[in-house]
Amino acid sequence: MASLRDLSVFMQALVAATVAIVLTAVGIFVPGSPIAREKDEYDAAVVKRTQLSQEVTQLQVYKQRYAELKQQMDALNKQLDTLKTIVPEEKEADEFIRLIQGAASSSSVQIRRLKALAIVPKEYHYEMPFEVQADGPYFNVLDFFGRLGRLSRIINVGDLAFDAPESAKGTKYPVRPGSTVSGIFTATTFFTKPADSGAAPAAGAKPGSAPGKP
């Protein structure tokens, strides 16, 4: 029987390659062999990487969705803040008086009297009326009412009565030169929380009209 050395170089190389293939196949497919263990670990790593890639993709979708939801929430919060300015939760009577006096000052109109009236409970809000007396030049008074209508907080003006300044009821003050009109009216604003007096909408009370600007 011829030995391996008796074979040609080509045949020796072919035999060596065949043996290497057989040994590799045995190492891969025989359970417990080092090569088989390495292959199993490699396959497990590939599966784990695929799972992690899928999780990363899902998290990226959630991250994008979170950013969208946060943006929507921020917009709603801004809208809510705006609504609270228009119809605040608290009475904020001092701020309301400041707004009226600011509008009068900007129009060169004199506020003569500003009297708080009883709060009126409605179904979903509370009305806070004030009796106001003001005087000044005719066009200044018109500008004053225009400014009231442009304030951030809703103000309804009603029960309006005009007269000459010197004929105004209960006049006990000097009339400024140029003042031609004196007006007494009710300025009503709104808030949503119960008044400090503990007043609450009566059971079965008719719904109040929705607040609106004049």
C-alpha atoms as a PDB file:
ATOM      1  CA  MET A   1       0.000   0.000   0.000  1.00  0.00           C
ATOM      2  CA  ALA A   2       1.436   3.357  -1.054  1.00  0.00           C
ATOM      3  CA  SER A   3       2.133   5.870   1.691  1.00  0.00           C
ATOM      4  CA  LEU A   4       1.214   9.543   1.574  1.00  0.00           C
ATOM      5  CA  ARG A   5       4.767  10.402   0.622  1.00  0.00           C
ATOM      6  CA  ASP A   6       4.501   8.252  -2.503  1.00  0.00           C
ATOM      7  CA  LEU A   7       1.646  10.378  -3.793  1.00  0.00           C
ATOM      8  CA  SER A   8       2.172  13.397  -5.986  1.00  0.00           C
ATOM      9  CA  VAL A   9       2.252  16.851  -4.480  1.00  0.00           C
ATOM     10  CA  PHE A  10      -1.190  17.599  -5.919  1.00  0.00           C
ATOM     11  CA  MET A  11      -2.689  14.454  -4.387  1.00  0.00           C
ATOM     12  CA  GLN A  12      -1.041  15.199  -1.035  1.00  0.00           C
ATOM     13  CA  ALA A  13      -2.608  18.669  -1.050  1.00  0.00           C
ATOM     14  CA  LEU A  14      -5.983  17.225  -1.995  1.00  0.00           C
ATOM     15  CA  VAL A  15      -5.838  14.674   0.827  1.00  0.00           C
ATOM     16  CA  ALA A  16      -4.804  17.367   3.334  1.00  0.00           C
ATOM     17  CA  ALA A  17      -7.682  19.599   2.244  1.00  0.00           C
ATOM     18  CA  THR A  18     -10.143  16.733   2.559  1.00  0.00           C
ATOM     19  CA  VAL A  19      -8.925  15.895   6.058  1.00  0.00           C
ATOM     20  CA  ALA A  20      -9.191  19.569   7.069  1.00  0.00           C
ATOM     21  CA  ILE A  21     -12.762  19.747   5.788  1.00  0.00           C
ATOM     22  CA  VAL A  22     -13.703  16.578   7.633  1.00  0.00           C
ATOM     23  CA  LEU A  23     -12.138  17.804  10.884  1.00  0.00           C
ATOM     24  CA  THR A  24     -13.880  21.175  10.552  1.00  0.00           C
ATOM     25  CA  ALA A  25     -17.212  19.502   9.887  1.00  0.00           C
ATOM     26  CA  VAL A  26     -16.716  17.238  12.872  1.00  0.00           C
ATOM     27  CA  GLY A  27     -15.817  20.266  15.044  1.00  0.00           C
ATOM     28  CA  ILE A  28     -18.923  22.154  13.950  1.00  0.00           C
ATOM     29  CA  PHE A  29     -21.521  19.434  14.075  1.00  0.00           C
ATOM     30  CA  VAL A  30     -20.278  17.317  16.953  1.00  0.00           C
ATOM     31  CA  PRO A  31     -22.023  18.543  20.155  1.00  0.00           C
ATOM     32  CA  GLY A  32     -19.688  19.831  22.846  1.00  0.00           C
ATOM     33  CA  SER A  33     -16.764  20.511  20.539  1.00  0.00           C
ATOM     34  CA  PRO A  34     -15.059  23.940  20.888  1.00  0.00           C
ATOM     35  CA  ILE A  35     -16.025  24.960  17.367  1.00  0.00           C
ATOM     36  CA  ALA A  36     -19.651  23.946  17.959  1.00  0.00           C
ATOM     37  CA  ARG A  37     -19.751  25.996  21.155  1.00  0.00           C
ATOM     38  CA  GLU A  38     -18.288  29.021  19.363  1.00  0.00           C
ATOM     39  CA  LYS A  39     -20.880  28.638  16.604  1.00  0.00           C
ATOM     40  CA  ASP A  40     -23.712  28.447  19.131  1.00  0.00           C
ATOM     41  CA  GLU A  41     -22.434  31.557  20.892  1.00  0.00           C
ATOM     42  CA  TYR A  42     -22.134  33.357  17.559  1.00  0.00           C
ATOM     43  CA  ASP A  43     -25.676  32.395  16.548  1.00  0.00           C
ATOM     44  CA  ALA A  44     -26.991  33.515  19.950  1.00  0.00           C
ATOM     45  CA  ALA A  45     -25.159  36.835  19.592  1.00  0.00           C
ATOM     46  CA  VAL A  46     -26.699  37.382  16.152  1.00  0.00           C
ATOM     47  CA  VAL A  47     -30.193  36.699  17.525  1.00  0.00           C
ATOM     48  CA  LYS A  48     -29.566  39.041  20.471  1.00  0.00           C
ATOM     49  CA  ARG A  49     -28.306  41.766  18.165  1.00  0.00           C
ATOM     50  CA  THR A  50     -31.417  41.432  16.011  1.00  0.00           C
ATOM     51  CA  GLN A  51     -33.652  41.715  19.078  1.00  0.00           C
ATOM     52  CA  LEU A  52     -31.754  44.760  20.321  1.00  0.00           C
ATOM     53  CA  SER A  53     -32.008  46.397  16.904  1.00  0.00           C
ATOM     54  CA  GLN A  54     -35.770  45.879  16.946  1.00  0.00           C
ATOM     55  CA  GLU A  55     -36.018  47.322  20.464  1.00  0.00           C
ATOM     56  CA  VAL A  56     -33.943  50.354  19.456  1.00  0.00           C
ATOM     57  CA  THR A  57     -36.240  50.933  16.481  1.00  0.00           C
ATOM     58  CA  GLN A  58     -39.304  50.756  18.738  1.00  0.00           C
ATOM     59  CA  LEU A  59     -37.726  53.126  21.256  1.00  0.00           C
ATOM     60  CA  GLN A  60     -36.937  55.594  18.485  1.00  0.00           C
ATOM     61  CA  VAL A  61     -40.604  55.531  17.470  1.00  0.00           C
ATOM     62  CA  TYR A  62     -41.657  56.082  21.098  1.00  0.00           C
ATOM     63  CA  LYS A  63     -39.132  58.912  21.431  1.00  0.00           C
ATOM     64  CA  GLN A  64     -40.543  60.633  18.366  1.00  0.00           C
ATOM     65  CA  ARG A  65     -44.090  60.093  19.627  1.00  0.00           C
ATOM     66  CA  TYR A  66     -43.113  61.445  23.050  1.00  0.00           C
ATOM     67  CA  ALA A  67     -41.740  64.604  21.444  1.00  0.00           C
ATOM     68  CA  GLU A  68     -45.001  65.060  19.517  1.00  0.00           C
ATOM     69  CA  LEU A  69     -47.105  64.509  22.645  1.00  0.00           C
ATOM     70  CA  LYS A  70     -44.949  66.914  24.648  1.00  0.00           C
ATOM     71  CA  GLN A  71     -45.343  69.554  21.962  1.00  0.00           C
ATOM     72  CA  GLN A  72     -49.118  69.085  22.002  1.00  0.00           C
ATOM     73  CA  MET A  73     -49.143  69.261  25.807  1.00  0.00           C
ATOM     74  CA  ASP A  74     -47.128  72.499  25.768  1.00  0.00           C
ATOM     75  CA  ALA A  75     -49.579  73.999  23.270  1.00  0.00           C
ATOM     76  CA  LEU A  76     -52.540  72.985  25.445  1.00  0.00           C
ATOM     77  CA  ASN A  77     -50.876  74.473  28.530  1.00  0.00           C
ATOM     78  CA  LYS A  78     -50.369  77.767  26.705  1.00  0.00           C
ATOM     79  CA  GLN A  79     -53.989  77.717  25.581  1.00  0.00           C
ATOM     80  CA  LEU A  80     -55.088  77.015  29.146  1.00  0.00           C
ATOM     81  CA  ASP A  81     -52.978  79.902  30.450  1.00  0.00           C
ATOM     82  CA  THR A  82     -54.618  82.194  27.884  1.00  0.00           C
ATOM     83  CA  LEU A  83     -58.086  81.041  28.916  1.00  0.00           C
ATOM     84  CA  LYS A  84     -57.218  81.613  32.569  1.00  0.00           C
ATOM     85  CA  THR A  85     -56.297  85.190  31.665  1.00  0.00           C
ATOM     86  CA  ILE A  86     -59.647  85.701  29.940  1.00  0.00           C
ATOM     87  CA  VAL A  87     -61.714  84.006  32.664  1.00  0.00           C
ATOM     88  CA  PRO A  88     -59.487  83.402  35.713  1.00  0.00           C
ATOM     89  CA  GLU A  89     -60.177  80.846  38.399  1.00  0.00           C
ATOM     90  CA  GLU A  90     -59.929  83.383  41.229  1.00  0.00           C
ATOM     91  CA  LYS A  91     -61.791  86.674  41.571  1.00  0.00           C
ATOM     92  CA  GLU A  92     -58.636  88.777  41.235  1.00  0.00           C
ATOM     93  CA  ALA A  93     -60.721  91.860  42.034  1.00  0.00           C
ATOM     94  CA  ASP A  94     -57.654  94.060  42.605  1.00  0.00           C
ATOM     95  CA  GLU A  95     -56.283  93.154  39.173  1.00  0.00           C
ATOM     96  CA  PHE A  96     -59.685  93.858  37.588  1.00  0.00           C
ATOM     97  CA  ILE A  97     -59.829  97.306  39.215  1.00  0.00           C
ATOM     98  CA  ARG A  98     -56.276  97.985  38.049  1.00  0.00           C
ATOM     99  CA  LEU A  99     -57.274  97.103  34.466  1.00  0.00           C
ATOM    100  CA  ILE A 100     -60.225  99.516  34.537  1.00  0.00           C
ATOM    101  CA  GLN A 101     -58.173 102.318  36.055  1.00  0.00           C
ATOM    102  CA  GLY A 102     -55.390 101.682  33.541  1.00  0.00           C
ATOM    103  CA  ALA A 103     -57.823 101.937  30.624  1.00  0.00           C
ATOM    104  CA  ALA A 104     -59.259 105.163  32.067  1.00  0.00           C
ATOM    105  CA  SER A 105     -55.813 106.672  32.588  1.00  0.00           C
ATOM    106  CA  SER A 106     -54.752 105.809  29.024  1.00  0.00           C
ATOM    107  CA  SER A 107     -57.904 107.526  27.706  1.00  0.00           C
ATOM    108  CA  SER A 108     -57.611 110.565  30.015  1.00  0.00           C
ATOM    109  CA  VAL A 109     -60.922 109.650  31.636  1.00  0.00           C
ATOM    110  CA  GLN A 110     -61.509 110.194  35.348  1.00  0.00           C
ATOM    111  CA  ILE A 111     -62.944 107.338  37.442  1.00  0.00           C
ATOM    112  CA  ARG A 112     -65.166 108.943  40.078  1.00  0.00           C
ATOM    113  CA  ARG A 113     -66.639 105.874  41.710  1.00  0.00           C
ATOM    114  CA  LEU A 114     -65.983 102.147  41.551  1.00  0.00           C
ATOM    115  CA  LYS A 115     -68.269 100.134  43.813  1.00  0.00           C
ATOM    116  CA  ALA A 116     -68.253  96.332  44.118  1.00  0.00           C
ATOM    117  CA  LEU A 117     -71.709  94.749  43.820  1.00  0.00           C
ATOM    118  CA  ALA A 118     -72.915  91.326  44.943  1.00  0.00           C
ATOM    119  CA  ILE A 119     -71.371  88.346  43.173  1.00  0.00           C
ATOM    120  CA  VAL A 120     -73.894  86.440  41.062  1.00  0.00           C
ATOM    121  CA  PRO A 121     -73.451  82.629  40.915  1.00  0.00           C
ATOM    122  CA  LYS A 122     -74.217  80.918  37.617  1.00  0.00           C
ATOM    123  CA  GLU A 123     -74.088  77.268  36.628  1.00  0.00           C
ATOM    124  CA  TYR A 124     -70.512  77.199  35.375  1.00  0.00           C
ATOM    125  CA  HIS A 125     -69.066  80.540  36.486  1.00  0.00           C
ATOM    126  CA  TYR A 126     -69.530  83.547  38.746  1.00  0.00           C
ATOM    127  CA  GLU A 127     -70.320  87.114  37.731  1.00  0.00           C
ATOM    128  CA  MET A 128     -68.496  89.890  39.587  1.00  0.00           C
ATOM    129  CA  PRO A 129     -70.145  93.268  38.820  1.00  0.00           C
ATOM    130  CA  PHE A 130     -68.905  96.761  39.694  1.00  0.00           C
ATOM    131  CA  GLU A 131     -70.797 100.035  39.464  1.00  0.00           C
ATOM    132  CA  VAL A 132     -68.529 102.569  37.798  1.00  0.00           C
ATOM    133  CA  GLN A 133     -68.884 106.309  37.341  1.00  0.00           C
ATOM    134  CA  ALA A 134     -66.503 108.067  34.971  1.00  0.00           C
ATOM    135  CA  ASP A 135     -66.346 111.387  33.131  1.00  0.00           C
ATOM    136  CA  GLY A 136     -64.236 113.113  30.542  1.00  0.00           C
ATOM    137  CA  PRO A 137     -64.345 114.518  27.008  1.00  0.00           C
ATOM    138  CA  TYR A 138     -66.800 112.697  24.740  1.00  0.00           C
ATOM    139  CA  PHE A 139     -64.258 111.047  22.430  1.00  0.00           C
ATOM    140  CA  ASN A 140     -62.044 110.147  25.385  1.00  0.00           C
ATOM    141  CA  VAL A 141     -64.963 108.325  26.981  1.00  0.00           C
ATOM    142  CA  LEU A 142     -65.557 106.466  23.704  1.00  0.00           C
ATOM    143  CA  ASP A 143     -61.874 105.487  23.639  1.00  0.00           C
ATOM    144  CA  PHE A 144     -62.163 104.311  27.250  1.00  0.00           C
ATOM    145  CA  PHE A 145     -64.990 101.903  26.394  1.00  0.00           C
ATOM    146  CA  GLY A 146     -63.033 100.715  23.370  1.00  0.00           C
ATOM    147  CA  ARG A 147     -60.069  99.915  25.601  1.00  0.00           C
ATOM    148  CA  LEU A 148     -62.311  97.989  27.998  1.00  0.00           C
ATOM    149  CA  GLY A 149     -63.400  95.817  25.085  1.00  0.00           C
ATOM    150  CA  ARG A 150     -59.775  95.044  24.174  1.00  0.00           C
ATOM    151  CA  LEU A 151     -58.606  94.000  27.625  1.00  0.00           C
ATOM    152  CA  SER A 152     -57.322  90.455  28.069  1.00  0.00           C
ATOM    153  CA  ARG A 153     -59.965  89.733  30.702  1.00  0.00           C
ATOM    154  CA  ILE A 154     -63.596  89.560  29.584  1.00  0.00           C
ATOM    155  CA  ILE A 155     -65.591  92.606  30.679  1.00  0.00           C
ATOM    156  CA  ASN A 156     -69.267  93.184  29.918  1.00  0.00           C
ATOM    157  CA  VAL A 157     -70.589  96.739  30.145  1.00  0.00           C
ATOM    158  CA  GLY A 158     -74.280  97.293  30.872  1.00  0.00           C
ATOM    159  CA  ASP A 159     -76.851  99.608  32.485  1.00  0.00           C
ATOM    160  CA  LEU A 160     -75.114 102.536  30.816  1.00  0.00           C
ATOM    161  CA  ALA A 161     -76.474 106.024  31.543  1.00  0.00           C
ATOM    162  CA  PHE A 162     -74.911 109.288  30.293  1.00  0.00           C
ATOM    163  CA  ASP A 163     -75.393 112.803  31.600  1.00  0.00           C
ATOM    164  CA  ALA A 164     -73.597 116.122  31.699  1.00  0.00           C
ATOM    165  CA  PRO A 165     -70.796 116.090  34.308  1.00  0.00           C
ATOM    166  CA  GLU A 166     -72.276 118.925  36.319  1.00  0.00           C
ATOM    167  CA  SER A 167     -75.665 117.174  36.384  1.00  0.00           C
ATOM    168  CA  ALA A 168     -74.328 113.778  37.471  1.00  0.00           C
ATOM    169  CA  LYS A 169     -76.043 112.321  40.501  1.00  0.00           C
ATOM    170  CA  GLY A 170     -74.203 112.937  43.748  1.00  0.00           C
ATOM    171  CA  THR A 171     -71.581 115.204  42.202  1.00  0.00           C
ATOM    172  CA  LYS A 172     -69.268 116.436  44.978  1.00  0.00           C
ATOM    173  CA  TYR A 173     -66.085 117.045  43.028  1.00  0.00           C
ATOM    174  CA  PRO A 174     -64.803 119.710  40.641  1.00  0.00           C
ATOM    175  CA  VAL A 175     -65.290 118.847  36.975  1.00  0.00           C
ATOM    176  CA  ARG A 176     -62.150 119.063  34.888  1.00  0.00           C
ATOM    177  CA  PRO A 177     -62.155 121.538  31.992  1.00  0.00           C
ATOM    178  CA  GLY A 178     -63.121 119.851  28.735  1.00  0.00           C
ATOM    179  CA  SER A 179     -65.190 117.114  30.385  1.00  0.00           C
ATOM    180  CA  THR A 180     -68.473 116.901  28.499  1.00  0.00           C
ATOM    181  CA  VAL A 181     -69.817 113.458  29.416  1.00  0.00           C
ATOM    182  CA  SER A 182     -70.394 111.628  32.685  1.00  0.00           C
ATOM    183  CA  GLY A 183     -71.403 107.987  32.595  1.00  0.00           C
ATOM    184  CA  ILE A 184     -72.589 105.491  35.161  1.00  0.00           C
ATOM    185  CA  PHE A 185     -72.470 101.847  34.113  1.00  0.00           C
ATOM    186  CA  THR A 186     -72.041  98.307  35.394  1.00  0.00           C
ATOM    187  CA  ALA A 187     -68.788  96.559  34.473  1.00  0.00           C
ATOM    188  CA  THR A 188     -69.057  92.809  34.944  1.00  0.00           C
ATOM    189  CA  THR A 189     -66.231  90.300  34.814  1.00  0.00           C
ATOM    190  CA  PHE A 190     -66.155  86.561  35.508  1.00  0.00           C
ATOM    191  CA  PHE A 191     -64.276  83.862  37.397  1.00  0.00           C
ATOM    192  CA  THR A 192     -64.738  80.117  37.836  1.00  0.00           C
ATOM    193  CA  LYS A 193     -63.952  79.213  41.455  1.00  0.00           C
ATOM    194  CA  PRO A 194     -66.500  79.740  44.269  1.00  0.00           C
ATOM    195  CA  ALA A 195     -66.405  83.142  45.914  1.00  0.00           C
ATOM    196  CA  ASP A 196     -64.775  83.589  49.316  1.00  0.00           C
ATOM    197  CA  SER A 197     -68.213  84.211  50.808  1.00  0.00           C
ATOM    198  CA  GLY A 198     -69.023  80.575  50.171  1.00  0.00           C
ATOM    199  CA  ALA A 199     -71.683  81.341  47.609  1.00  0.00           C
ATOM    200  CA  ALA A 200     -72.362  78.461  45.281  1.00  0.00           C
ATOM    201  CA  PRO A 201     -74.783  77.975  42.387  1.00  0.00           C
ATOM    202  CA  ALA A 202     -78.187  77.085  43.750  1.00  0.00           C
ATOM    203  CA  ALA A 203     -79.589  73.671  42.929  1.00  0.00           C
ATOM    204  CA  GLY A 204     -81.706  73.851  39.808  1.00  0.00           C
ATOM    205  CA  ALA A 205     -80.476  77.341  38.997  1.00  0.00           C
ATOM    206  CA  LYS A 206     -80.910  78.337  35.389  1.00  0.00           C
ATOM    207  CA  PRO A 207     -77.675  78.311  33.401  1.00  0.00           C
ATOM    208  CA  GLY A 208     -76.093  81.736  33.125  1.00  0.00           C
ATOM    209  CA  SER A 209     -75.406  83.230  29.756  1.00  0.00           C
ATOM    210  CA  ALA A 210     -71.909  82.535  28.493  1.00  0.00           C
ATOM    211  CA  PRO A 211     -69.468  85.366  29.210  1.00  0.00           C
ATOM    212  CA  GLY A 212     -68.759  87.523  26.208  1.00  0.00           C
ATOM    213  CA  LYS A 213     -67.207  90.838  25.385  1.00  0.00           C
ATOM    214  CA  PRO A 214     -69.471  93.769  24.541  1.00  0.00           C
END
